[in-house]
């Protein structure tokens, strides 16, 4: 792929997301005309729109694990570039807000993976990158919890700080149940943000 550390054949073989729910990015049959999954038709979401570059399948899952847990920042740069290819035509917000790590986990890991994904995207799209969201307490890793526990785990976890524009995009690496993004979006709405979208690298089917 031009400008990417990836050949055309490998790029074509990636699990690019195709038809998906416009509210939660869950993959949908191509014939689904209304663009909403059953769950999003039945309930309200604090997210106006969610877009994912990929479904969480090989080899993207392996790249994300290398990037997130094994200090492979080159994998992160590739993933960010691929996200730009997939999401470059999305409706532009006024700012990108990465979903943050708690300070204790940042010290342990040494870098914030969502910030590393967001920096090249914001630069390429000429959008402000905003530290408008902080984690006020350390939470248990979401991957260890079921859907109900994930919601409970994130209750009161975020706080909005500083001046925030009316329309922002939350950026995260992986979306599973959406609990993290929903908790962050609700915090931003309470701080006065009118519209919150989300861009993620990969969506777990």
N, C-alpha and C. Protein backbone atom coordinates (compact mmCIF):
# COMPACT_ATOMS: atom_id res chain seq x y z
N UNK A 1 0.86 -1.19 0.00
CA UNK A 1 0.00 0.00 0.00
C UNK A 1 0.89 1.24 0.00
N UNK A 2 0.63 2.20 -0.89
CA UNK A 2 1.50 3.38 -0.98
C UNK A 2 1.59 4.12 0.35
N UNK A 3 2.83 4.39 0.78
CA UNK A 3 3.04 5.12 2.02
C UNK A 3 2.80 4.32 3.27
N UNK A 4 2.58 3.01 3.15
CA UNK A 4 2.33 2.15 4.31
C UNK A 4 3.36 1.04 4.32
N UNK A 5 3.73 0.53 5.51
CA UNK A 5 4.66 -0.59 5.61
C UNK A 5 3.91 -1.90 5.39
N UNK A 6 3.27 -1.97 4.23
CA UNK A 6 2.38 -3.09 3.95
C UNK A 6 2.22 -3.21 2.44
N UNK A 7 2.32 -4.42 1.90
CA UNK A 7 2.13 -4.57 0.46
C UNK A 7 0.64 -4.56 0.14
N UNK A 8 0.31 -4.41 -1.16
CA UNK A 8 -1.09 -4.32 -1.56
C UNK A 8 -1.86 -5.58 -1.23
N UNK A 9 -1.23 -6.75 -1.43
CA UNK A 9 -1.93 -8.01 -1.16
C UNK A 9 -2.25 -8.15 0.32
N UNK A 10 -1.28 -7.80 1.18
CA UNK A 10 -1.53 -7.89 2.63
C UNK A 10 -2.59 -6.88 3.05
N UNK A 11 -2.55 -5.67 2.47
CA UNK A 11 -3.56 -4.67 2.80
C UNK A 11 -4.94 -5.11 2.42
N UNK A 12 -5.06 -5.73 1.26
CA UNK A 12 -6.37 -6.20 0.80
C UNK A 12 -6.91 -7.33 1.67
N UNK A 13 -6.00 -8.07 2.30
CA UNK A 13 -6.42 -9.20 3.11
C UNK A 13 -6.77 -8.87 4.55
N UNK A 14 -6.65 -7.61 4.93
CA UNK A 14 -6.98 -7.21 6.30
C UNK A 14 -8.50 -7.24 6.51
N UNK A 15 -8.94 -7.42 7.76
CA UNK A 15 -10.39 -7.50 8.03
C UNK A 15 -11.04 -6.12 8.10
N UNK A 16 -10.97 -5.37 6.99
CA UNK A 16 -11.61 -4.05 6.93
C UNK A 16 -13.10 -4.19 7.24
N UNK A 17 -13.60 -3.29 8.03
CA UNK A 17 -15.03 -3.38 8.34
C UNK A 17 -15.85 -2.91 7.15
N UNK A 18 -16.90 -3.65 6.87
CA UNK A 18 -17.78 -3.31 5.75
C UNK A 18 -19.09 -2.76 6.32
N UNK A 19 -20.23 -3.40 6.02
CA UNK A 19 -21.51 -2.93 6.55
C UNK A 19 -21.53 -3.08 8.07
N UNK A 20 -21.98 -2.02 8.76
CA UNK A 20 -21.99 -2.04 10.23
C UNK A 20 -23.04 -1.09 10.75
N UNK A 21 -23.48 -1.33 11.99
CA UNK A 21 -24.41 -0.44 12.67
C UNK A 21 -23.77 0.94 12.81
N UNK A 22 -24.48 1.96 12.43
CA UNK A 22 -23.91 3.30 12.48
C UNK A 22 -23.81 3.84 13.91
N UNK A 23 -24.47 3.20 14.87
CA UNK A 23 -24.47 3.67 16.25
C UNK A 23 -23.47 2.93 17.13
N UNK A 24 -23.13 1.66 16.77
CA UNK A 24 -22.21 0.89 17.62
C UNK A 24 -21.15 0.13 16.84
N UNK A 25 -21.17 0.24 15.50
CA UNK A 25 -20.18 -0.39 14.62
C UNK A 25 -20.21 -1.91 14.63
N UNK A 26 -21.29 -2.51 15.14
CA UNK A 26 -21.41 -3.97 15.07
C UNK A 26 -21.62 -4.38 13.62
N UNK A 27 -20.86 -5.35 13.11
CA UNK A 27 -21.03 -5.77 11.71
C UNK A 27 -22.47 -6.21 11.43
N UNK A 28 -22.99 -5.81 10.28
CA UNK A 28 -24.35 -6.13 9.86
C UNK A 28 -24.33 -6.77 8.48
N UNK A 29 -25.38 -7.51 8.12
CA UNK A 29 -25.47 -8.00 6.74
C UNK A 29 -25.52 -6.81 5.77
N UNK A 30 -24.92 -6.99 4.61
CA UNK A 30 -24.87 -5.90 3.62
C UNK A 30 -26.27 -5.47 3.19
N UNK A 31 -27.26 -6.37 3.35
CA UNK A 31 -28.62 -6.06 2.92
C UNK A 31 -29.39 -5.22 3.94
N UNK A 32 -28.82 -5.00 5.14
CA UNK A 32 -29.51 -4.25 6.19
C UNK A 32 -29.54 -2.77 5.81
N UNK A 33 -30.72 -2.27 5.46
CA UNK A 33 -30.83 -0.93 4.88
C UNK A 33 -30.87 0.19 5.92
N UNK A 34 -31.39 -0.08 7.13
CA UNK A 34 -31.59 1.03 8.06
C UNK A 34 -30.31 1.39 8.82
N UNK A 35 -29.31 0.50 8.81
CA UNK A 35 -28.02 0.84 9.40
C UNK A 35 -27.95 0.77 10.90
N UNK A 36 -28.97 0.22 11.56
CA UNK A 36 -28.96 0.08 13.02
C UNK A 36 -29.15 -1.39 13.39
N UNK A 37 -28.34 -1.88 14.33
CA UNK A 37 -28.54 -3.24 14.83
C UNK A 37 -29.77 -3.27 15.72
N UNK A 38 -30.20 -4.47 16.09
CA UNK A 38 -31.40 -4.61 16.91
C UNK A 38 -31.27 -3.93 18.26
N UNK A 39 -30.11 -4.06 18.90
CA UNK A 39 -29.91 -3.45 20.22
C UNK A 39 -30.00 -1.94 20.14
N UNK A 40 -29.43 -1.34 19.10
CA UNK A 40 -29.46 0.13 18.98
C UNK A 40 -30.83 0.64 18.57
N UNK A 41 -31.64 -0.19 17.95
CA UNK A 41 -33.02 0.19 17.66
C UNK A 41 -33.86 0.23 18.93
N UNK A 42 -33.48 -0.58 19.92
CA UNK A 42 -34.27 -0.69 21.15
C UNK A 42 -33.83 0.26 22.25
N UNK A 43 -32.61 0.80 22.15
CA UNK A 43 -32.10 1.61 23.26
C UNK A 43 -31.38 2.84 22.74
N UNK A 44 -31.26 3.83 23.62
CA UNK A 44 -30.56 5.07 23.29
C UNK A 44 -29.08 4.92 23.60
N UNK A 45 -28.28 5.67 22.88
CA UNK A 45 -26.83 5.65 23.10
C UNK A 45 -26.33 7.07 23.24
N UNK A 46 -25.34 7.30 24.10
CA UNK A 46 -24.74 8.64 24.19
C UNK A 46 -23.83 8.95 23.00
N UNK A 47 -23.62 7.97 22.13
CA UNK A 47 -22.79 8.15 20.94
C UNK A 47 -23.68 8.36 19.72
N UNK A 48 -23.43 9.42 18.99
CA UNK A 48 -24.21 9.70 17.79
C UNK A 48 -23.83 8.76 16.65
N UNK A 49 -22.55 8.52 16.49
CA UNK A 49 -22.06 7.65 15.42
C UNK A 49 -20.77 6.98 15.87
N UNK A 50 -20.60 5.72 15.47
CA UNK A 50 -19.37 4.98 15.77
C UNK A 50 -18.87 4.36 14.48
N UNK A 51 -17.58 4.53 14.21
CA UNK A 51 -16.97 3.93 13.03
C UNK A 51 -15.72 3.17 13.44
N UNK A 52 -15.57 1.97 12.89
CA UNK A 52 -14.39 1.14 13.15
C UNK A 52 -13.68 0.89 11.84
N UNK A 53 -12.36 0.89 11.89
CA UNK A 53 -11.59 0.59 10.69
C UNK A 53 -11.65 -0.90 10.37
N UNK A 54 -11.62 -1.74 11.41
CA UNK A 54 -11.54 -3.19 11.21
C UNK A 54 -12.48 -3.93 12.15
N UNK A 55 -12.78 -5.17 11.79
CA UNK A 55 -13.33 -6.10 12.77
C UNK A 55 -12.13 -6.74 13.48
N UNK A 56 -12.33 -7.14 14.72
CA UNK A 56 -11.22 -7.63 15.55
C UNK A 56 -10.91 -9.08 15.20
N UNK A 57 -10.19 -9.26 14.09
CA UNK A 57 -9.77 -10.57 13.62
C UNK A 57 -8.31 -10.50 13.22
N UNK A 58 -7.71 -11.67 12.96
CA UNK A 58 -6.31 -11.72 12.51
C UNK A 58 -6.17 -11.00 11.17
N UNK A 59 -5.04 -10.33 10.95
CA UNK A 59 -3.89 -10.15 11.85
C UNK A 59 -3.98 -8.87 12.69
N UNK A 60 -5.10 -8.14 12.59
CA UNK A 60 -5.23 -6.88 13.34
C UNK A 60 -5.20 -7.13 14.84
N UNK A 61 -5.81 -8.23 15.29
CA UNK A 61 -5.80 -8.52 16.73
C UNK A 61 -4.37 -8.68 17.24
N UNK A 62 -3.52 -9.37 16.47
CA UNK A 62 -2.13 -9.55 16.87
C UNK A 62 -1.35 -8.25 16.86
N UNK A 63 -1.60 -7.42 15.86
CA UNK A 63 -0.93 -6.11 15.80
C UNK A 63 -1.30 -5.25 17.00
N UNK A 64 -2.58 -5.26 17.36
CA UNK A 64 -3.03 -4.47 18.50
C UNK A 64 -2.41 -4.97 19.80
N UNK A 65 -2.31 -6.27 19.98
CA UNK A 65 -1.69 -6.82 21.19
C UNK A 65 -0.21 -6.45 21.27
N UNK A 66 0.48 -6.53 20.13
CA UNK A 66 1.90 -6.13 20.11
C UNK A 66 2.06 -4.66 20.46
N UNK A 67 1.18 -3.85 19.89
CA UNK A 67 1.24 -2.42 20.14
C UNK A 67 0.93 -2.07 21.59
N UNK A 68 -0.11 -2.70 22.12
CA UNK A 68 -0.63 -2.31 23.43
C UNK A 68 0.18 -2.87 24.59
N UNK A 69 0.69 -4.09 24.44
CA UNK A 69 1.32 -4.75 25.58
C UNK A 69 2.81 -5.07 25.41
N UNK A 70 3.34 -4.86 24.20
CA UNK A 70 4.73 -5.25 23.97
C UNK A 70 5.58 -4.10 23.41
N UNK A 71 5.14 -2.86 23.65
CA UNK A 71 5.93 -1.68 23.29
C UNK A 71 6.29 -1.62 21.81
N UNK A 72 5.44 -2.18 20.96
CA UNK A 72 5.71 -2.15 19.52
C UNK A 72 5.06 -0.90 18.92
N UNK A 73 5.73 0.23 19.05
CA UNK A 73 5.17 1.49 18.57
C UNK A 73 5.10 1.55 17.05
N UNK A 74 5.94 0.76 16.36
CA UNK A 74 5.85 0.71 14.90
C UNK A 74 4.52 0.10 14.46
N UNK A 75 4.03 -0.89 15.22
CA UNK A 75 2.71 -1.45 14.93
C UNK A 75 1.63 -0.40 15.12
N UNK A 76 1.80 0.44 16.15
CA UNK A 76 0.84 1.52 16.38
C UNK A 76 0.83 2.53 15.24
N UNK A 77 2.01 2.86 14.72
CA UNK A 77 2.06 3.81 13.61
C UNK A 77 1.36 3.25 12.37
N UNK A 78 1.55 1.95 12.11
CA UNK A 78 0.87 1.32 10.98
C UNK A 78 -0.63 1.32 11.20
N UNK A 79 -1.08 0.96 12.39
CA UNK A 79 -2.52 0.93 12.68
C UNK A 79 -3.14 2.31 12.52
N UNK A 80 -2.46 3.34 12.97
CA UNK A 80 -2.97 4.69 12.84
C UNK A 80 -3.10 5.09 11.38
N UNK A 81 -2.10 4.73 10.57
CA UNK A 81 -2.14 5.04 9.15
C UNK A 81 -3.30 4.31 8.47
N UNK A 82 -3.53 3.06 8.87
CA UNK A 82 -4.63 2.29 8.29
C UNK A 82 -5.98 2.86 8.73
N UNK A 83 -6.05 3.34 9.97
CA UNK A 83 -7.29 4.00 10.42
C UNK A 83 -7.58 5.23 9.57
N UNK A 84 -6.54 5.96 9.21
CA UNK A 84 -6.74 7.13 8.35
C UNK A 84 -7.32 6.71 7.01
N UNK A 85 -6.82 5.61 6.44
CA UNK A 85 -7.35 5.11 5.18
C UNK A 85 -8.83 4.78 5.29
N UNK A 86 -9.21 4.17 6.43
CA UNK A 86 -10.59 3.72 6.60
C UNK A 86 -11.54 4.83 7.01
N UNK A 87 -11.07 5.80 7.80
CA UNK A 87 -11.95 6.78 8.42
C UNK A 87 -11.77 8.20 7.87
N UNK A 88 -10.92 8.34 6.87
CA UNK A 88 -10.62 9.67 6.36
C UNK A 88 -11.81 10.41 5.81
N UNK A 89 -12.83 9.67 5.36
CA UNK A 89 -14.02 10.31 4.79
C UNK A 89 -15.12 10.52 5.83
N UNK A 90 -14.87 10.18 7.08
CA UNK A 90 -15.90 10.34 8.12
C UNK A 90 -16.17 11.82 8.38
N UNK A 91 -17.36 12.09 8.90
CA UNK A 91 -17.72 13.47 9.23
C UNK A 91 -16.75 14.00 10.28
N UNK A 92 -16.24 15.20 10.04
CA UNK A 92 -15.21 15.76 10.90
C UNK A 92 -15.81 16.36 12.18
N UNK A 93 -15.20 16.03 13.32
CA UNK A 93 -15.56 16.69 14.58
C UNK A 93 -14.78 17.99 14.71
N UNK A 94 -14.96 18.65 15.83
CA UNK A 94 -14.15 19.84 16.13
C UNK A 94 -12.87 19.49 16.88
N UNK A 95 -12.81 18.28 17.44
CA UNK A 95 -11.61 17.84 18.14
C UNK A 95 -11.67 16.33 18.32
N UNK A 96 -10.49 15.72 18.47
CA UNK A 96 -10.37 14.30 18.80
C UNK A 96 -9.97 14.19 20.27
N UNK A 97 -10.70 13.37 21.01
CA UNK A 97 -10.43 13.15 22.43
C UNK A 97 -10.08 11.68 22.64
N UNK A 98 -8.80 11.34 22.81
CA UNK A 98 -8.45 9.94 23.08
C UNK A 98 -8.98 9.48 24.43
N UNK A 99 -9.45 8.24 24.50
CA UNK A 99 -9.86 7.66 25.78
C UNK A 99 -8.58 7.40 26.58
N UNK A 100 -8.44 8.02 27.76
CA UNK A 100 -7.14 8.00 28.45
C UNK A 100 -6.93 6.78 29.36
N UNK A 101 -5.66 6.49 29.60
CA UNK A 101 -5.27 5.55 30.65
C UNK A 101 -5.24 6.29 31.99
N UNK A 102 -5.41 5.55 33.07
CA UNK A 102 -5.16 6.14 34.38
C UNK A 102 -3.66 6.33 34.55
N UNK A 103 -3.28 7.32 35.34
CA UNK A 103 -1.87 7.66 35.51
C UNK A 103 -1.05 6.46 35.98
N UNK A 104 -1.60 5.63 36.84
CA UNK A 104 -0.84 4.48 37.35
C UNK A 104 -0.54 3.49 36.23
N UNK A 105 -1.50 3.28 35.34
CA UNK A 105 -1.27 2.35 34.23
C UNK A 105 -0.35 2.98 33.18
N UNK A 106 -0.44 4.29 33.02
CA UNK A 106 0.46 4.99 32.10
C UNK A 106 1.91 4.84 32.56
N UNK A 107 2.14 4.99 33.85
CA UNK A 107 3.49 4.82 34.39
C UNK A 107 3.99 3.39 34.18
N UNK A 108 3.10 2.44 34.34
CA UNK A 108 3.47 1.04 34.19
C UNK A 108 3.80 0.71 32.73
N UNK A 109 2.98 1.20 31.80
CA UNK A 109 3.14 0.88 30.38
C UNK A 109 4.18 1.76 29.72
N UNK A 110 4.25 3.02 30.14
CA UNK A 110 5.21 3.94 29.56
C UNK A 110 4.69 4.77 28.42
N UNK A 111 3.53 4.48 27.94
CA UNK A 111 2.90 5.25 26.87
C UNK A 111 1.41 4.95 26.86
N UNK A 112 0.63 5.86 26.28
CA UNK A 112 -0.82 5.71 26.18
C UNK A 112 -1.14 5.33 24.74
N UNK A 113 -1.62 4.11 24.52
CA UNK A 113 -1.79 3.62 23.16
C UNK A 113 -2.82 4.43 22.36
N UNK A 114 -3.87 4.92 23.01
CA UNK A 114 -4.86 5.69 22.24
C UNK A 114 -4.29 7.05 21.83
N UNK A 115 -3.46 7.63 22.68
CA UNK A 115 -2.82 8.89 22.32
C UNK A 115 -1.88 8.67 21.14
N UNK A 116 -1.16 7.55 21.13
CA UNK A 116 -0.24 7.25 20.02
C UNK A 116 -1.00 7.00 18.72
N UNK A 117 -2.18 6.40 18.81
CA UNK A 117 -3.02 6.24 17.61
C UNK A 117 -3.57 7.58 17.14
N UNK A 118 -3.92 8.43 18.09
CA UNK A 118 -4.61 9.68 17.75
C UNK A 118 -3.70 10.74 17.15
N UNK A 119 -2.44 10.79 17.59
CA UNK A 119 -1.55 11.87 17.15
C UNK A 119 -1.40 11.95 15.63
N UNK A 120 -1.06 10.85 14.95
CA UNK A 120 -0.93 10.95 13.49
C UNK A 120 -2.25 11.24 12.79
N UNK A 121 -3.35 10.69 13.33
CA UNK A 121 -4.67 10.96 12.75
C UNK A 121 -5.03 12.43 12.83
N UNK A 122 -4.86 13.01 14.00
CA UNK A 122 -5.18 14.42 14.19
C UNK A 122 -4.33 15.30 13.28
N UNK A 123 -3.06 14.95 13.16
CA UNK A 123 -2.16 15.73 12.31
C UNK A 123 -2.58 15.63 10.84
N UNK A 124 -2.89 14.43 10.37
CA UNK A 124 -3.27 14.24 8.97
C UNK A 124 -4.60 14.90 8.64
N UNK A 125 -5.54 14.88 9.59
CA UNK A 125 -6.86 15.45 9.36
C UNK A 125 -6.95 16.92 9.76
N UNK A 126 -5.83 17.44 10.31
CA UNK A 126 -5.76 18.84 10.74
C UNK A 126 -6.86 19.16 11.76
N UNK A 127 -6.94 18.27 12.76
CA UNK A 127 -7.91 18.43 13.84
C UNK A 127 -7.19 18.60 15.17
N UNK A 128 -7.73 19.41 16.08
CA UNK A 128 -7.12 19.54 17.41
C UNK A 128 -7.19 18.21 18.17
N UNK A 129 -6.14 17.93 18.91
CA UNK A 129 -6.09 16.75 19.78
C UNK A 129 -6.27 17.26 21.21
N UNK A 130 -7.30 16.79 21.87
CA UNK A 130 -7.73 17.40 23.13
C UNK A 130 -7.60 16.42 24.30
N UNK A 131 -6.92 16.85 25.36
CA UNK A 131 -6.87 16.05 26.60
C UNK A 131 -8.05 16.46 27.49
N UNK A 132 -9.24 16.35 26.97
CA UNK A 132 -10.42 16.80 27.68
C UNK A 132 -11.04 15.79 28.60
N UNK A 133 -10.40 14.63 28.72
CA UNK A 133 -10.96 13.55 29.53
C UNK A 133 -9.84 12.94 30.35
N UNK A 134 -10.08 12.78 31.66
CA UNK A 134 -9.11 12.13 32.54
C UNK A 134 -9.79 10.96 33.24
N UNK A 135 -9.00 9.94 33.56
CA UNK A 135 -9.50 8.87 34.43
C UNK A 135 -9.24 9.28 35.86
N UNK A 136 -10.30 9.38 36.64
CA UNK A 136 -10.15 9.83 38.03
C UNK A 136 -9.79 8.68 38.96
N UNK A 137 -9.96 7.46 38.53
CA UNK A 137 -9.54 6.31 39.34
C UNK A 137 -9.12 5.17 38.43
N UNK A 138 -8.26 4.34 38.95
CA UNK A 138 -7.80 3.16 38.21
C UNK A 138 -8.91 2.11 38.22
N UNK A 139 -9.15 1.50 37.07
CA UNK A 139 -10.20 0.49 36.97
C UNK A 139 -9.60 -0.86 36.62
N UNK A 140 -10.33 -1.91 36.94
CA UNK A 140 -9.90 -3.26 36.57
C UNK A 140 -9.91 -3.38 35.05
N UNK A 141 -8.97 -4.11 34.43
CA UNK A 141 -8.98 -4.27 32.98
C UNK A 141 -10.32 -4.83 32.49
N UNK A 142 -10.89 -4.16 31.49
CA UNK A 142 -12.20 -4.54 30.99
C UNK A 142 -12.22 -5.95 30.40
N UNK A 143 -11.08 -6.38 29.87
CA UNK A 143 -11.02 -7.71 29.24
C UNK A 143 -11.27 -8.83 30.23
N UNK A 144 -11.15 -8.54 31.54
CA UNK A 144 -11.35 -9.57 32.56
C UNK A 144 -12.80 -9.65 33.05
N UNK A 145 -13.69 -8.80 32.50
CA UNK A 145 -15.04 -8.66 33.04
C UNK A 145 -16.11 -9.00 32.01
N UNK A 146 -17.30 -9.37 32.52
CA UNK A 146 -18.43 -9.55 31.60
C UNK A 146 -19.11 -8.20 31.38
N UNK A 147 -20.18 -8.20 30.57
CA UNK A 147 -20.80 -6.94 30.15
C UNK A 147 -21.34 -6.13 31.34
N UNK A 148 -22.00 -6.80 32.29
CA UNK A 148 -22.56 -6.10 33.45
C UNK A 148 -21.44 -5.53 34.32
N UNK A 149 -20.40 -6.33 34.54
CA UNK A 149 -19.28 -5.88 35.37
C UNK A 149 -18.52 -4.73 34.71
N UNK A 150 -18.47 -4.73 33.38
CA UNK A 150 -17.78 -3.64 32.68
C UNK A 150 -18.44 -2.29 32.97
N UNK A 151 -19.76 -2.26 32.94
CA UNK A 151 -20.49 -1.02 33.23
C UNK A 151 -20.24 -0.57 34.67
N UNK A 152 -20.31 -1.51 35.61
CA UNK A 152 -20.10 -1.18 37.02
C UNK A 152 -18.67 -0.71 37.25
N UNK A 153 -17.72 -1.32 36.57
CA UNK A 153 -16.31 -1.00 36.72
C UNK A 153 -16.00 0.44 36.31
N UNK A 154 -16.77 0.97 35.35
CA UNK A 154 -16.47 2.30 34.80
C UNK A 154 -17.32 3.42 35.41
N UNK A 155 -18.17 3.08 36.37
CA UNK A 155 -19.03 4.09 36.98
C UNK A 155 -18.17 5.14 37.68
N UNK A 156 -18.29 6.39 37.25
CA UNK A 156 -17.52 7.48 37.84
C UNK A 156 -16.05 7.45 37.52
N UNK A 157 -15.64 6.71 36.49
CA UNK A 157 -14.21 6.56 36.20
C UNK A 157 -13.62 7.77 35.51
N UNK A 158 -14.44 8.55 34.79
CA UNK A 158 -13.92 9.66 33.98
C UNK A 158 -14.35 11.01 34.53
N UNK A 159 -13.54 12.01 34.21
CA UNK A 159 -13.90 13.40 34.51
C UNK A 159 -13.49 14.24 33.30
N UNK A 160 -14.36 15.17 32.91
CA UNK A 160 -14.05 16.09 31.80
C UNK A 160 -13.33 17.31 32.36
N UNK A 161 -12.35 17.79 31.61
CA UNK A 161 -11.56 18.94 32.05
C UNK A 161 -11.39 19.93 30.91
N UNK A 162 -11.27 21.20 31.26
CA UNK A 162 -10.99 22.23 30.27
C UNK A 162 -12.18 22.58 29.40
N UNK A 163 -11.93 23.43 28.42
CA UNK A 163 -12.95 23.86 27.47
C UNK A 163 -13.09 22.83 26.37
N UNK A 164 -14.31 22.38 26.13
CA UNK A 164 -14.57 21.35 25.13
C UNK A 164 -15.50 21.91 24.05
N UNK A 165 -15.25 21.59 22.78
CA UNK A 165 -16.14 22.06 21.72
C UNK A 165 -17.45 21.29 21.71
N UNK A 166 -18.35 21.70 20.84
CA UNK A 166 -19.69 21.11 20.81
C UNK A 166 -19.70 19.70 20.21
N UNK A 167 -18.76 19.40 19.33
CA UNK A 167 -18.75 18.10 18.64
C UNK A 167 -17.36 17.51 18.73
N UNK A 168 -17.24 16.35 19.40
CA UNK A 168 -15.94 15.69 19.52
C UNK A 168 -16.06 14.23 19.10
N UNK A 169 -14.92 13.65 18.77
CA UNK A 169 -14.81 12.22 18.50
C UNK A 169 -13.94 11.60 19.59
N UNK A 170 -14.46 10.58 20.24
CA UNK A 170 -13.67 9.76 21.15
C UNK A 170 -12.88 8.75 20.32
N UNK A 171 -11.61 8.58 20.64
CA UNK A 171 -10.80 7.61 19.90
C UNK A 171 -10.31 6.53 20.85
N UNK A 172 -10.50 5.26 20.43
CA UNK A 172 -10.06 4.14 21.25
C UNK A 172 -9.50 3.06 20.34
N UNK A 173 -8.77 2.12 20.94
CA UNK A 173 -8.17 1.07 20.11
C UNK A 173 -9.16 -0.03 19.77
N UNK A 174 -9.87 -0.56 20.78
CA UNK A 174 -10.79 -1.68 20.56
C UNK A 174 -12.12 -1.39 21.23
N UNK A 175 -13.20 -1.73 20.55
CA UNK A 175 -14.55 -1.63 21.13
C UNK A 175 -15.12 -3.04 21.25
N UNK A 176 -15.51 -3.41 22.47
CA UNK A 176 -16.11 -4.73 22.70
C UNK A 176 -17.60 -4.57 22.99
N UNK A 177 -17.96 -4.24 24.22
CA UNK A 177 -19.37 -3.99 24.53
C UNK A 177 -19.74 -2.52 24.36
N UNK A 178 -18.74 -1.66 24.32
CA UNK A 178 -19.00 -0.22 24.25
C UNK A 178 -19.08 0.45 25.60
N UNK A 179 -18.88 -0.29 26.69
CA UNK A 179 -19.04 0.28 28.03
C UNK A 179 -18.08 1.44 28.28
N UNK A 180 -16.84 1.30 27.87
CA UNK A 180 -15.86 2.37 28.08
C UNK A 180 -16.24 3.63 27.32
N UNK A 181 -16.56 3.47 26.05
CA UNK A 181 -16.93 4.63 25.22
C UNK A 181 -18.22 5.27 25.71
N UNK A 182 -19.18 4.49 26.17
CA UNK A 182 -20.43 5.06 26.68
C UNK A 182 -20.17 5.87 27.95
N UNK A 183 -19.37 5.32 28.85
CA UNK A 183 -19.06 6.04 30.09
C UNK A 183 -18.34 7.35 29.79
N UNK A 184 -17.40 7.31 28.85
CA UNK A 184 -16.67 8.53 28.47
C UNK A 184 -17.60 9.53 27.81
N UNK A 185 -18.48 9.05 26.93
CA UNK A 185 -19.40 9.94 26.22
C UNK A 185 -20.38 10.61 27.18
N UNK A 186 -20.89 9.87 28.15
CA UNK A 186 -21.81 10.45 29.13
C UNK A 186 -21.11 11.56 29.94
N UNK A 187 -19.85 11.32 30.28
CA UNK A 187 -19.08 12.34 31.01
C UNK A 187 -18.94 13.60 30.17
N UNK A 188 -18.66 13.45 28.90
CA UNK A 188 -18.51 14.61 28.01
C UNK A 188 -19.83 15.35 27.83
N UNK A 189 -20.92 14.61 27.70
CA UNK A 189 -22.24 15.26 27.59
C UNK A 189 -22.56 16.07 28.84
N UNK A 190 -22.26 15.51 30.01
CA UNK A 190 -22.52 16.23 31.25
C UNK A 190 -21.67 17.51 31.34
N UNK A 191 -20.56 17.52 30.63
CA UNK A 191 -19.69 18.71 30.62
C UNK A 191 -20.11 19.73 29.55
N UNK A 192 -21.19 19.42 28.81
CA UNK A 192 -21.70 20.38 27.85
C UNK A 192 -21.46 20.05 26.39
N UNK A 193 -20.78 18.96 26.09
CA UNK A 193 -20.56 18.57 24.70
C UNK A 193 -21.91 18.12 24.11
N UNK A 194 -22.23 18.63 22.95
CA UNK A 194 -23.54 18.34 22.36
C UNK A 194 -23.55 17.04 21.57
N UNK A 195 -22.48 16.77 20.86
CA UNK A 195 -22.42 15.55 20.04
C UNK A 195 -21.10 14.84 20.29
N UNK A 196 -21.20 13.53 20.56
CA UNK A 196 -20.02 12.70 20.75
C UNK A 196 -20.09 11.52 19.78
N UNK A 197 -19.10 11.39 18.92
CA UNK A 197 -18.94 10.23 18.06
C UNK A 197 -17.77 9.40 18.58
N UNK A 198 -17.52 8.27 17.95
CA UNK A 198 -16.36 7.46 18.32
C UNK A 198 -15.73 6.85 17.07
N UNK A 199 -14.41 6.86 17.05
CA UNK A 199 -13.62 6.14 16.05
C UNK A 199 -12.78 5.12 16.77
N UNK A 200 -12.83 3.87 16.31
CA UNK A 200 -12.01 2.82 16.93
C UNK A 200 -11.24 2.09 15.85
N UNK A 201 -10.11 1.54 16.27
CA UNK A 201 -9.32 0.77 15.32
C UNK A 201 -10.04 -0.53 14.97
N UNK A 202 -10.55 -1.24 15.97
CA UNK A 202 -11.19 -2.53 15.71
C UNK A 202 -12.41 -2.72 16.59
N UNK A 203 -13.42 -3.37 15.99
CA UNK A 203 -14.66 -3.70 16.70
C UNK A 203 -14.76 -5.21 16.85
N UNK A 204 -14.94 -5.65 18.09
CA UNK A 204 -15.13 -7.08 18.34
C UNK A 204 -16.53 -7.47 17.86
N UNK A 205 -16.65 -8.46 16.96
CA UNK A 205 -17.98 -8.83 16.44
C UNK A 205 -18.90 -9.37 17.51
